[in-house]
Amino acid sequence: MLGKLFKLLMYLLIIGFIALVAYAYVGPFFGADFAPAQTETREPVSLPAE
């Protein structure tokens, strides 16, 4: 009984992984945008003078 449950969980894990990879590749064609928002950041830096 425990072996069948473990096997079922392994199958679900593998199917879930394949679905996640497929969504990562096919998602942009359906409007899913995975790119982070890009903003320019400027910070002043003071270097020690020698």
Protein backbone atom coordinates (compact mmCIF):
# COMPACT_ATOMS: atom_id res chain seq x y z
CA MET A 1 0.00 0.00 0.00
CA LEU A 2 2.77 2.45 0.92
CA GLY A 3 4.71 1.53 -2.23
CA LYS A 4 1.71 2.37 -4.44
CA LEU A 5 1.27 5.71 -2.69
CA PHE A 6 4.95 6.54 -3.15
CA LYS A 7 4.77 5.57 -6.82
CA LEU A 8 1.67 7.76 -7.31
CA LEU A 9 3.39 10.72 -5.66
CA MET A 10 6.44 10.27 -7.87
CA TYR A 11 4.25 10.20 -10.98
CA LEU A 12 2.46 13.37 -9.85
CA LEU A 13 5.80 15.06 -9.15
CA ILE A 14 7.12 14.19 -12.61
CA ILE A 15 3.91 15.30 -14.35
CA GLY A 16 3.93 18.54 -12.36
CA PHE A 17 7.54 19.23 -13.32
CA ILE A 18 6.81 18.60 -17.00
CA ALA A 19 3.75 20.89 -16.81
CA LEU A 20 5.80 23.64 -15.18
CA VAL A 21 8.50 23.44 -17.85
CA ALA A 22 5.86 23.43 -20.60
CA TYR A 23 4.19 26.50 -19.07
CA ALA A 24 7.54 28.30 -18.90
CA TYR A 25 8.11 27.73 -22.62
CA VAL A 26 4.52 28.16 -23.89
CA GLY A 27 3.31 30.81 -21.41
CA PRO A 28 4.66 33.87 -23.27
CA PHE A 29 2.60 32.87 -26.34
CA PHE A 30 -0.56 33.16 -24.21
CA GLY A 31 0.25 36.49 -22.58
CA ALA A 32 2.19 35.42 -19.48
CA ASP A 33 5.13 37.81 -19.06
CA PHE A 34 7.92 36.44 -16.88
CA ALA A 35 10.31 39.37 -17.31
CA PRO A 36 10.90 41.54 -14.22
CA ALA A 37 9.99 45.20 -14.29
CA GLN A 38 13.05 47.17 -15.37
CA THR A 39 13.83 50.46 -13.69
CA GLU A 40 16.97 52.55 -13.81
CA THR A 41 18.56 53.20 -10.43
CA ARG A 42 21.31 55.76 -9.87
CA GLU A 43 23.16 56.03 -6.60
CA PRO A 44 26.04 58.40 -5.89
CA VAL A 45 29.28 56.70 -4.89
CA SER A 46 32.04 58.47 -3.02
CA LEU A 47 35.49 56.96 -3.40
CA PRO A 48 38.23 57.65 -0.86
CA ALA A 49 40.92 59.94 -2.26
CA GLU A 50 44.49 58.81 -1.84
